[in-house]
Protein backbone atom coordinates (compact mmCIF):
# COMPACT_ATOMS: atom_id res chain seq x y z
CA MET A 1 -6.61 10.77 26.43
CA THR A 2 -3.89 12.76 24.66
CA ALA A 3 -3.79 12.59 20.90
CA SER A 4 -0.33 11.05 20.94
CA ARG A 5 -1.35 8.32 23.42
CA SER A 6 -4.51 7.61 21.43
CA LEU A 7 -2.39 7.70 18.30
CA LEU A 8 -0.01 5.07 19.67
CA ASN A 9 -2.96 2.83 20.62
CA GLY A 10 -4.48 3.20 17.18
CA ALA A 11 -1.09 2.69 15.55
CA PHE A 12 -0.62 -0.52 17.55
CA TRP A 13 -3.83 -2.10 16.25
CA ALA A 14 -3.33 -0.70 12.76
CA ALA A 15 0.11 -2.30 12.83
CA MET A 16 -1.36 -5.55 14.16
CA ARG A 17 -3.76 -5.62 11.24
CA THR A 18 -1.12 -4.83 8.67
CA TRP A 19 1.55 -7.08 10.13
CA GLY A 20 -0.86 -9.96 10.75
CA THR A 21 -2.31 -9.90 7.26
CA ARG A 22 0.96 -9.28 5.45
CA VAL A 23 2.99 -11.84 7.36
CA THR A 24 0.25 -14.41 6.69
CA SER A 25 0.01 -13.34 3.06
CA PHE A 26 3.77 -13.52 2.64
CA ALA A 27 3.99 -16.98 4.21
CA VAL A 28 1.21 -18.19 1.92
CA PHE A 29 2.86 -16.69 -1.15
CA ALA A 30 6.23 -18.18 -0.24
CA VAL A 31 4.59 -21.63 -0.25
CA LEU A 32 2.68 -20.93 -3.47
CA ALA A 33 5.89 -19.76 -5.18
CA ARG A 34 7.33 -23.23 -4.67
CA LEU A 35 4.17 -24.96 -5.95
CA LEU A 36 3.38 -22.77 -8.97
CA THR A 37 5.36 -21.69 -12.04
CA PRO A 38 6.28 -18.09 -12.94
CA GLU A 39 3.79 -18.27 -15.83
CA GLN A 40 0.88 -19.36 -13.60
CA ILE A 41 1.59 -16.62 -11.06
CA GLY A 42 2.00 -14.05 -13.84
CA GLU A 43 -1.32 -14.94 -15.50
CA VAL A 44 -3.39 -14.42 -12.36
CA THR A 45 -1.37 -11.36 -11.33
CA LEU A 46 -2.15 -9.66 -14.64
CA ILE A 47 -5.91 -10.22 -14.30
CA ALA A 48 -5.85 -9.16 -10.64
CA SER A 49 -3.91 -6.00 -11.52
CA TRP A 50 -6.59 -4.82 -13.93
CA LEU A 51 -9.35 -5.66 -11.44
CA MET A 52 -7.53 -3.75 -8.69
CA VAL A 53 -7.59 -0.66 -10.90
CA LEU A 54 -11.36 -1.02 -11.40
CA GLN A 55 -11.94 -1.67 -7.69
CA MET A 56 -10.29 1.63 -6.82
CA VAL A 57 -12.58 3.36 -9.32
CA CYS A 58 -15.65 1.76 -7.69
CA ASP A 59 -14.77 3.29 -4.33
CA LEU A 60 -15.69 6.70 -5.77
CA GLY A 61 -13.51 8.39 -3.15
CA VAL A 62 -16.47 8.77 -0.79
CA SER A 63 -15.30 6.35 1.90
CA ASP A 64 -12.80 8.99 3.01
CA TYR A 65 -15.70 11.41 3.47
CA LEU A 66 -17.32 9.10 6.02
CA VAL A 67 -14.04 8.89 7.97
CA GLN A 68 -13.13 12.59 8.07
CA ALA A 69 -16.56 14.29 8.13
CA ARG A 70 -17.46 15.93 11.43
CA ASP A 71 -21.01 14.60 11.09
CA SER A 72 -22.26 11.90 8.75
CA THR A 73 -25.84 10.64 8.88
CA PRO A 74 -27.04 7.03 8.54
CA ARG A 75 -28.77 8.04 5.31
CA GLN A 76 -25.48 9.32 3.89
CA GLN A 77 -23.72 6.13 4.91
CA SER A 78 -26.39 4.02 3.23
CA ALA A 79 -26.35 6.18 0.10
CA VAL A 80 -22.57 5.78 -0.16
CA PHE A 81 -22.89 2.01 0.30
CA TRP A 82 -25.51 1.55 -2.43
CA GLY A 83 -23.75 3.95 -4.80
CA GLN A 84 -20.46 2.07 -4.51
CA PHE A 85 -22.11 -1.33 -4.78
CA GLY A 86 -24.15 -0.30 -7.83
CA VAL A 87 -21.06 0.84 -9.73
CA ALA A 88 -19.11 -2.30 -8.75
CA LEU A 89 -21.97 -4.63 -9.69
CA LEU A 90 -22.39 -2.97 -13.07
CA LEU A 91 -18.68 -3.23 -13.87
CA GLY A 92 -18.59 -6.83 -12.66
CA LEU A 93 -21.49 -7.80 -14.94
CA VAL A 94 -19.86 -6.09 -17.93
CA ILE A 95 -16.61 -7.99 -17.33
CA LEU A 96 -18.52 -11.25 -16.89
CA ALA A 97 -20.34 -10.74 -20.19
CA LEU A 98 -17.09 -9.90 -21.99
CA ALA A 99 -14.94 -12.50 -20.24
CA ARG A 100 -13.96 -14.31 -23.44
CA PRO A 101 -12.64 -11.33 -25.44
CA ILE A 102 -11.05 -9.81 -22.32
CA GLY A 103 -9.30 -13.10 -21.54
CA ALA A 104 -8.05 -13.38 -25.12
CA ALA A 105 -6.71 -9.82 -25.02
CA LEU A 106 -4.96 -10.20 -21.66
CA LEU A 107 -3.66 -13.76 -22.01
CA PRO A 108 -3.64 -14.83 -25.67
CA GLY A 109 -3.18 -18.56 -26.08
CA THR A 110 -4.16 -19.39 -22.48
CA ASP A 111 -7.03 -21.90 -22.39
CA ASP A 112 -8.37 -20.90 -18.96
CA ALA A 113 -8.16 -17.13 -19.52
CA ALA A 114 -11.90 -16.56 -20.08
CA GLY A 115 -12.87 -18.70 -17.09
CA MET A 116 -10.41 -16.93 -14.80
CA VAL A 117 -11.66 -13.50 -15.89
CA ALA A 118 -15.31 -14.57 -15.40
CA VAL A 119 -14.76 -15.90 -11.88
CA MET A 120 -12.56 -13.01 -10.78
CA SER A 121 -15.15 -10.47 -11.99
CA LEU A 122 -17.09 -11.39 -8.83
CA VAL A 123 -14.32 -9.80 -6.78
CA LEU A 124 -15.53 -6.31 -7.76
CA PRO A 125 -19.00 -6.38 -6.09
CA LEU A 126 -17.80 -8.58 -3.23
CA GLY A 127 -14.77 -6.41 -2.49
CA ILE A 128 -16.73 -3.15 -2.37
CA LEU A 129 -19.22 -4.43 0.23
CA ALA A 130 -16.76 -3.93 3.10
CA LYS A 131 -15.84 -0.30 2.31
CA VAL A 132 -18.55 1.55 4.26
CA PRO A 133 -18.63 -0.70 7.37
CA GLU A 134 -14.82 -0.49 7.50
CA ALA A 135 -15.07 3.30 7.25
CA MET A 136 -17.43 3.22 10.25
CA LEU A 137 -14.87 1.24 12.24
CA ARG A 138 -12.08 3.64 11.29
CA ARG A 139 -14.25 6.63 12.15
CA ARG A 140 -14.80 5.15 15.62
CA LEU A 141 -11.03 4.51 15.79
CA ASP A 142 -11.87 0.84 16.36
CA PHE A 143 -8.67 -0.43 14.76
CA GLN A 144 -8.75 -3.56 16.93
CA ALA A 145 -11.87 -4.85 15.17
CA VAL A 146 -10.41 -3.95 11.77
CA ALA A 147 -7.22 -5.84 12.62
CA LEU A 148 -8.86 -9.04 13.86
CA ARG A 149 -11.23 -9.21 10.89
CA SER A 150 -8.41 -8.79 8.36
CA MET A 151 -6.18 -11.43 9.96
CA LEU A 152 -9.02 -13.98 10.06
CA THR A 153 -9.88 -13.39 6.41
CA MET A 154 -6.28 -13.65 5.24
CA PHE A 155 -5.60 -16.83 7.22
CA ILE A 156 -8.63 -18.72 5.87
CA GLY A 157 -8.13 -17.51 2.29
CA GLY A 158 -4.44 -18.44 2.40
CA ALA A 159 -5.22 -21.93 3.70
CA VAL A 160 -7.66 -22.47 0.83
CA GLY A 161 -5.12 -21.26 -1.75
CA VAL A 162 -2.29 -23.47 -0.47
CA ALA A 163 -4.56 -26.53 -0.28
CA LEU A 164 -5.73 -26.06 -3.88
CA ALA A 165 -2.20 -25.44 -5.18
CA TRP A 166 -1.00 -28.57 -3.38
CA ALA A 167 -3.85 -30.50 -5.02
CA GLY A 168 -2.65 -29.40 -8.47
CA TRP A 169 -5.13 -26.65 -9.32
CA GLY A 170 -2.36 -24.43 -10.72
CA GLY A 171 -3.29 -20.79 -11.27
CA TRP A 172 -6.88 -21.51 -10.23
CA ALA A 173 -5.64 -21.82 -6.65
CA LEU A 174 -4.87 -18.08 -6.70
CA VAL A 175 -8.21 -17.28 -8.34
CA ILE A 176 -10.27 -19.16 -5.72
CA LYS A 177 -8.10 -17.76 -2.92
CA THR A 178 -8.85 -14.19 -4.05
CA LEU A 179 -12.58 -14.88 -4.27
CA VAL A 180 -12.75 -16.51 -0.83
CA GLU A 181 -10.89 -13.61 0.77
CA ALA A 182 -13.23 -11.02 -0.77
CA ALA A 183 -16.38 -12.86 0.36
CA LEU A 184 -15.08 -13.48 3.88
CA ASP A 185 -13.87 -9.90 4.23
CA ALA A 186 -17.34 -8.55 3.47
CA ALA A 187 -19.12 -10.96 5.81
CA VAL A 188 -16.78 -10.47 8.76
CA THR A 189 -16.63 -6.67 8.38
CA PHE A 190 -20.42 -6.38 8.53
CA ALA A 191 -20.45 -8.62 11.60
CA VAL A 192 -17.86 -6.66 13.60
CA ALA A 193 -19.09 -3.21 12.51
CA ARG A 194 -22.70 -4.00 13.44
CA TRP A 195 -23.86 -1.71 10.68
CA ASN A 196 -26.58 -2.27 8.10
CA PRO A 197 -27.63 0.03 5.26
CA PHE A 198 -31.16 1.29 4.73
CA VAL A 199 -32.95 -0.68 2.05
CA ARG A 200 -33.96 2.46 0.14
CA PHE A 201 -31.36 4.44 -1.79
CA ASP A 202 -31.54 8.18 -1.03
CA ARG A 203 -29.91 10.01 -3.91
CA GLU A 204 -30.06 13.39 -2.15
CA SER A 205 -27.97 12.06 0.74
CA LEU A 206 -25.18 11.21 -1.69
CA ARG A 207 -24.81 14.81 -2.87
CA GLU A 208 -22.58 16.09 -0.05
CA PRO A 209 -20.20 13.08 -0.09
CA LEU A 210 -19.89 13.44 -3.87
CA VAL A 211 -19.10 17.15 -3.57
CA PHE A 212 -16.30 16.27 -1.16
CA ALA A 213 -15.18 13.42 -3.39
CA ARG A 214 -14.86 15.39 -6.63
CA GLY A 215 -11.16 15.92 -6.11
CA ILE A 216 -10.77 12.58 -4.37
CA VAL A 217 -12.38 10.71 -7.28
CA PHE A 218 -9.92 12.23 -9.72
CA ALA A 219 -7.06 11.44 -7.36
CA ARG A 220 -8.27 7.85 -7.06
CA LEU A 221 -8.55 7.56 -10.84
CA MET A 222 -4.99 8.80 -11.15
CA GLU A 223 -3.84 6.46 -8.39
CA ALA A 224 -5.71 3.59 -10.02
CA ALA A 225 -4.07 4.35 -13.36
CA TYR A 226 -0.65 4.07 -11.75
CA VAL A 227 -0.87 1.69 -8.79
CA ARG A 228 -0.60 -1.49 -10.89
CA ALA A 229 0.78 0.09 -14.04
CA ASP A 230 4.18 -1.53 -13.56
CA ALA A 231 2.69 -5.04 -13.39
CA ILE A 232 0.38 -4.34 -16.33
CA ILE A 233 3.23 -2.97 -18.48
CA VAL A 234 5.47 -5.95 -17.69
CA GLY A 235 2.65 -8.46 -18.26
CA GLN A 236 1.36 -6.96 -21.50
CA LEU A 237 4.74 -6.09 -23.07
CA MET A 238 6.99 -8.85 -21.72
CA GLY A 239 4.63 -11.77 -21.01
CA PRO A 240 3.33 -13.73 -17.99
CA THR A 241 6.68 -15.37 -17.22
CA ALA A 242 8.46 -12.00 -16.94
CA LEU A 243 5.57 -10.76 -14.80
CA GLY A 244 5.91 -13.80 -12.54
CA ILE A 245 9.59 -12.99 -11.95
CA TYR A 246 8.76 -9.32 -11.39
CA SER A 247 5.91 -10.24 -9.01
CA ILE A 248 8.15 -12.31 -6.75
CA GLY A 249 10.63 -9.45 -6.46
CA GLN A 250 7.74 -7.09 -5.88
CA ARG A 251 6.14 -9.32 -3.24
CA LEU A 252 8.69 -8.65 -0.50
CA PHE A 253 8.58 -4.94 -1.30
CA ILE A 254 4.78 -4.89 -1.04
CA VAL A 255 4.90 -6.75 2.26
CA ALA A 256 7.45 -4.32 3.71
CA ASN A 257 5.62 -1.32 2.28
CA ASP A 258 2.31 -2.47 3.75
CA LEU A 259 3.81 -3.47 7.07
CA ILE A 260 5.29 -0.02 7.53
CA GLY A 261 3.16 2.25 5.39
CA GLY A 262 -0.16 0.46 5.77
CA SER A 263 -0.36 1.21 9.48
CA LEU A 264 0.43 4.88 8.89
CA GLN A 265 -2.12 5.15 6.08
CA GLN A 266 -4.91 3.81 8.28
CA ILE A 267 -4.37 6.30 11.10
CA SER A 268 -3.10 9.42 9.30
CA VAL A 269 -6.39 10.85 7.98
CA PRO A 270 -8.55 10.07 11.07
CA TYR A 271 -6.06 11.58 13.52
CA LEU A 272 -4.95 14.59 11.49
CA SER A 273 -8.61 15.36 10.72
CA ARG A 274 -9.26 15.79 14.44
CA VAL A 275 -6.83 18.71 14.70
CA LYS A 276 -7.28 20.24 11.25
CA HIS A 277 -9.14 23.27 12.65
CA ASP A 278 -6.16 24.20 14.85
CA PRO A 279 -3.21 25.04 12.53
CA ALA A 280 -0.61 24.92 15.31
CA ARG A 281 -1.69 21.50 16.53
CA LEU A 282 -1.99 20.20 12.98
CA ARG A 283 1.55 21.33 12.20
CA ARG A 284 2.94 19.78 15.40
CA MET A 285 1.22 16.45 14.80
CA PHE A 286 2.33 16.47 11.16
CA ASN A 287 5.95 17.02 12.22
CA GLN A 288 5.81 14.25 14.81
CA LEU A 289 4.26 11.71 12.45
CA THR A 290 6.55 12.55 9.55
CA GLU A 291 9.79 12.46 11.53
CA LEU A 292 8.77 9.25 13.31
CA SER A 293 7.82 7.50 10.08
CA CYS A 294 11.08 8.59 8.38
CA VAL A 295 13.04 7.06 11.26
CA ILE A 296 11.28 3.78 10.46
CA THR A 297 10.95 3.71 6.67
CA PHE A 298 14.45 4.73 5.57
CA PRO A 299 16.28 2.02 7.58
CA VAL A 300 13.78 -0.73 6.70
CA PHE A 301 13.84 -0.20 2.95
CA PHE A 302 17.57 0.48 2.65
CA ALA A 303 18.19 -2.74 4.59
CA LEU A 304 15.79 -4.59 2.28
CA ALA A 305 17.64 -3.32 -0.79
CA LEU A 306 20.93 -4.47 0.73
CA LEU A 307 19.72 -7.94 1.74
CA ALA A 308 17.57 -8.75 -1.33
CA PRO A 309 20.17 -11.01 -3.05
CA VAL A 310 20.20 -13.20 0.07
CA LEU A 311 16.51 -13.06 1.01
CA VAL A 312 14.87 -13.94 -2.32
CA PRO A 313 16.55 -17.35 -2.90
CA LEU A 314 16.25 -18.16 0.79
CA LEU A 315 12.51 -17.47 0.99
CA PHE A 316 11.24 -18.43 -2.46
CA GLY A 317 13.82 -20.88 -3.79
CA GLU A 318 16.77 -20.72 -6.16
CA LYS A 319 14.54 -20.65 -9.27
CA TRP A 320 13.55 -17.08 -8.37
CA GLY A 321 17.11 -15.72 -8.17
CA GLU A 322 16.44 -13.23 -10.99
CA SER A 323 13.85 -11.53 -8.78
CA ALA A 324 16.50 -10.38 -6.28
CA VAL A 325 17.67 -7.47 -8.46
CA ILE A 326 14.04 -6.39 -8.89
CA LEU A 327 13.57 -6.31 -5.12
CA SER A 328 16.78 -4.34 -4.53
CA ILE A 329 15.60 -1.64 -6.92
CA LEU A 330 11.96 -1.56 -5.80
CA ALA A 331 12.97 -1.29 -2.14
CA LEU A 332 14.38 2.16 -2.87
CA ALA A 333 10.85 3.27 -3.80
CA GLY A 334 9.64 2.65 -0.26
CA ALA A 335 12.39 4.59 1.51
CA PRO A 336 10.84 8.09 1.13
CA PHE A 337 7.34 6.91 2.09
CA GLY A 338 7.59 8.41 5.56
CA LEU A 339 8.36 11.83 4.11
CA GLN A 340 5.98 11.72 1.17
CA HIS A 341 2.85 10.17 2.68
CA PHE A 342 1.93 12.82 5.23
CA MET A 343 2.66 15.59 2.74
CA TYR A 344 0.35 13.80 0.30
CA VAL A 345 -2.60 13.46 2.73
CA THR A 346 -2.63 17.09 3.89
CA PRO A 347 -5.02 18.10 1.06
CA VAL A 348 -7.24 15.11 1.93
CA VAL A 349 -7.39 16.16 5.58
CA MET A 350 -8.21 19.76 4.69
CA GLY A 351 -10.70 18.80 1.96
CA ASP A 352 -8.62 20.64 -0.66
CA GLY A 353 -9.76 18.69 -3.70
CA HIS A 354 -8.14 21.07 -6.19
CA ARG A 355 -4.60 20.56 -4.91
CA LEU A 356 -5.15 16.85 -4.40
CA MET A 357 -6.37 16.54 -7.99
CA ARG A 358 -3.39 18.49 -9.33
CA ASN A 359 -0.87 16.49 -7.29
CA SER A 360 -2.42 13.19 -8.32
CA LEU A 361 -2.30 14.15 -11.99
CA LEU A 362 1.34 15.23 -11.79
CA GLY A 363 2.35 12.14 -9.82
CA THR A 364 0.56 9.76 -12.16
CA LEU A 365 1.93 11.37 -15.32
CA ALA A 366 5.46 11.34 -13.92
CA GLY A 367 5.11 7.70 -12.90
CA LEU A 368 3.72 6.55 -16.25
CA VAL A 369 6.42 8.41 -18.19
CA LEU A 370 9.11 6.79 -16.03
CA LEU A 371 7.59 3.31 -16.37
CA PHE A 372 7.12 3.43 -20.14
CA THR A 373 10.59 4.92 -20.58
CA GLY A 374 12.07 2.21 -18.39
CA ALA A 375 10.25 -0.50 -20.36
CA HIS A 376 12.76 0.02 -23.18
CA TRP A 377 15.33 -1.65 -20.90
CA GLY A 378 13.09 -4.54 -19.88
CA VAL A 379 11.96 -5.55 -16.41
CA ILE A 380 14.93 -3.84 -14.75
CA GLY A 381 14.08 -0.56 -16.46
CA VAL A 382 10.47 -0.73 -15.26
CA ALA A 383 11.69 -1.32 -11.70
CA VAL A 384 14.04 1.69 -11.91
CA GLY A 385 11.20 3.89 -13.18
CA PHE A 386 8.99 2.71 -10.33
CA ALA A 387 11.70 3.48 -7.77
CA LEU A 388 12.39 7.00 -9.05
CA ARG A 389 8.80 8.21 -8.96
CA PRO A 390 8.20 8.59 -5.18
CA TRP A 391 11.45 10.55 -4.71
CA LEU A 392 10.56 13.01 -7.46
CA VAL A 393 6.92 13.35 -6.35
CA ALA A 394 7.89 13.92 -2.72
CA VAL A 395 10.29 16.78 -3.48
CA PHE A 396 8.66 18.49 -6.46
CA VAL A 397 4.91 17.85 -5.96
CA SER A 398 3.90 16.97 -2.39
CA LEU A 399 6.42 19.18 -0.57
CA PRO A 400 5.23 22.54 -2.00
CA THR A 401 1.59 21.63 -1.28
CA ALA A 402 2.25 20.58 2.32
CA ALA A 403 4.35 23.69 2.95
CA TYR A 404 1.53 25.91 1.67
CA ILE A 405 -1.23 24.20 3.68
CA LEU A 406 0.81 23.99 6.89
CA LYS A 407 2.29 27.49 6.41
CA ALA A 408 5.75 26.04 6.88
CA ARG A 409 9.04 26.46 5.06
CA ARG A 410 10.00 23.68 2.68
CA GLY A 411 13.42 23.34 4.24
CA ASP A 412 11.87 22.79 7.67
CA LEU A 413 9.78 19.92 6.29
CA LEU A 414 12.72 18.32 4.50
CA VAL A 415 14.79 18.42 7.69
CA LEU A 416 12.28 15.99 9.23
CA ALA A 417 13.78 13.24 7.05
CA LEU A 418 17.39 13.82 8.14
CA PRO A 419 17.64 11.46 11.16
CA GLY A 420 16.19 8.50 9.27
CA LEU A 421 17.93 9.18 5.96
CA GLY A 422 21.32 10.05 7.43
CA SER A 423 21.45 7.04 9.75
CA SER A 424 20.40 4.68 6.95
CA LEU A 425 23.00 5.98 4.52
CA LEU A 426 25.69 5.44 7.13
CA GLY A 427 24.40 1.89 7.61
CA LEU A 428 24.77 1.24 3.87
CA LEU A 429 28.24 2.78 3.87
CA VAL A 430 29.37 0.32 6.53
CA ALA A 431 27.67 -2.77 5.06
CA LEU A 432 28.16 -2.45 1.29
CA PRO A 433 31.89 -3.32 1.28
CA LEU A 434 30.98 -6.70 2.82
CA ALA A 435 28.43 -7.43 0.07
CA ARG A 436 31.03 -7.71 -2.72
CA PRO A 437 30.90 -11.18 -4.38
CA GLU A 438 34.72 -11.38 -4.60
CA LEU A 439 34.91 -11.67 -0.81
CA GLY A 440 33.43 -15.17 -1.14
CA LEU A 441 31.38 -14.88 2.04
CA PRO A 442 29.58 -18.22 2.69
CA THR A 443 25.84 -18.07 2.01
CA ALA A 444 24.95 -18.96 5.59
CA TRP A 445 26.96 -15.99 6.85
CA GLN A 446 25.79 -13.36 4.37
CA LEU A 447 22.50 -12.45 6.04
CA PRO A 448 23.78 -12.07 9.63
CA THR A 449 27.01 -10.37 8.54
CA LEU A 450 25.33 -7.77 6.36
CA GLY A 451 22.53 -7.28 8.87
CA VAL A 452 24.90 -6.66 11.76
CA ALA A 453 27.09 -4.33 9.69
CA PHE A 454 24.06 -2.30 8.62
CA GLY A 455 22.82 -2.18 12.21
CA VAL A 456 26.17 -0.92 13.49
CA GLY A 457 26.22 1.87 10.92
CA LEU A 458 22.60 2.70 11.70
CA LEU A 459 23.34 3.05 15.42
CA MET A 460 26.34 5.25 14.66
CA GLY A 461 24.08 7.47 12.59
CA ALA A 462 21.41 7.55 15.30
CA GLY A 463 24.08 8.77 17.71
CA MET A 464 24.76 11.70 15.40
CA PHE A 465 21.08 12.69 15.55
CA ARG A 466 20.44 11.72 19.16
CA ARG A 467 19.19 15.17 20.20
CA ARG A 468 16.47 15.23 17.55
CA LEU A 469 15.50 11.63 18.25
CA LEU A 470 15.29 12.18 22.00
CA ALA A 471 13.20 15.32 21.47
CA LEU A 472 10.83 13.37 19.22
CA TRP A 473 10.48 10.63 21.84
CA ARG A 474 9.72 13.17 24.57
CA ASP A 475 7.09 14.86 22.39
CA LEU A 476 5.32 11.57 21.69
CA ARG A 477 5.32 10.57 25.35
CA SER A 478 4.14 13.93 26.66
CA GLY A 479 1.37 14.35 24.11
CA VAL A 480 2.34 17.66 22.53
CA ALA A 481 -0.34 17.54 19.85
CA THR A 482 -3.38 17.07 22.06
CA THR A 483 -6.82 17.35 20.57
CA ALA A 484 -9.05 18.18 23.50
């Protein structure tokens, strides 16, 4: 099978997983937003944000080794599993023991804070259990099993959360929902992967994965420091209610980002790793993936920014109208994902821990500076800082690294974004005049009118780049970047 045909098959199931879980998650959250208050959502979001940071630390960066390594032994796989679980269990027990002071620090004046922290500490060891068996599935390119397991877990967890919220459990509905999803995810992943670790921990077998992961660990620490920094800054500096409003605006962005970017993230390292020893094939596959993803991400996120003032009240209710501006700004952060992501993973694919570590440090520092600077202007300022970071990192950090590794000119890599970016900008140019409030467009007509106008402009732009788009389509169909 050609790499491109195999890639499309893997992308289909990766997309099924991402779309299935995110659509379910979004539907559940839309219901919960009508049953819970901004304060209740903000309280649980703040605790979950801190735990997400710790969960990324527990991964140790060694799961990627199991996916990309040419040969990994069962002893190595077991050593990685027990190493990750040991770190997660230790951190979980520390949080459980310190639940009262941690709860008081995160949510002062909230009666249930200590209890919520104590229960959610279980998410750390439960969540890490699925990492190695999932890596085995990804290594085998069995994205179908990964997709079905994720959708089942999300559906059951969402049903539990909605039922508890309907019964009046308040923020505890989100806490129990998170715990149920983590436990189910671990159980189902082990079942579909048909993998079990050795009982004995072999420390020697962990040495090679840790050598690979030295740069990855630092990158993950940097990513962990930033990935939920916006929510933590808003929650700690502006309170749970402000975080609730920010979270609703962020929710649609996360769904769109995961629907589009999540599928690409799952397949990028496994597929690029298969051609990393052939520079010409690696460069061709990189170009195909980057240009294709830019054609998708720029239109989706520019359209989301345009339609946010209509979508947020429609989906979550009028009480969340303030979140629309947040979504419009955050959506701009997702637009360059197609360009930035594949440039970012090139050091991961090549095992270049030094450059990955440097890029992660620069990206994290830039992001934190932008977020803390933006915090002076409130929630809107934080959103603007979040949106600026990926554009700056793509051009000034990831681009030089990718150009060096691929032995390509920077201009040639930037040109890959032109069809998607140019078409999307033309779509905005056509649609924005119709979005002016003084036109008095009826609410029922706003969404279809703006959507059609953006689509017309997008098609006009696609016509301008038709030669590049047709060439890309022919390359994908003919399997230019074959592996073997």
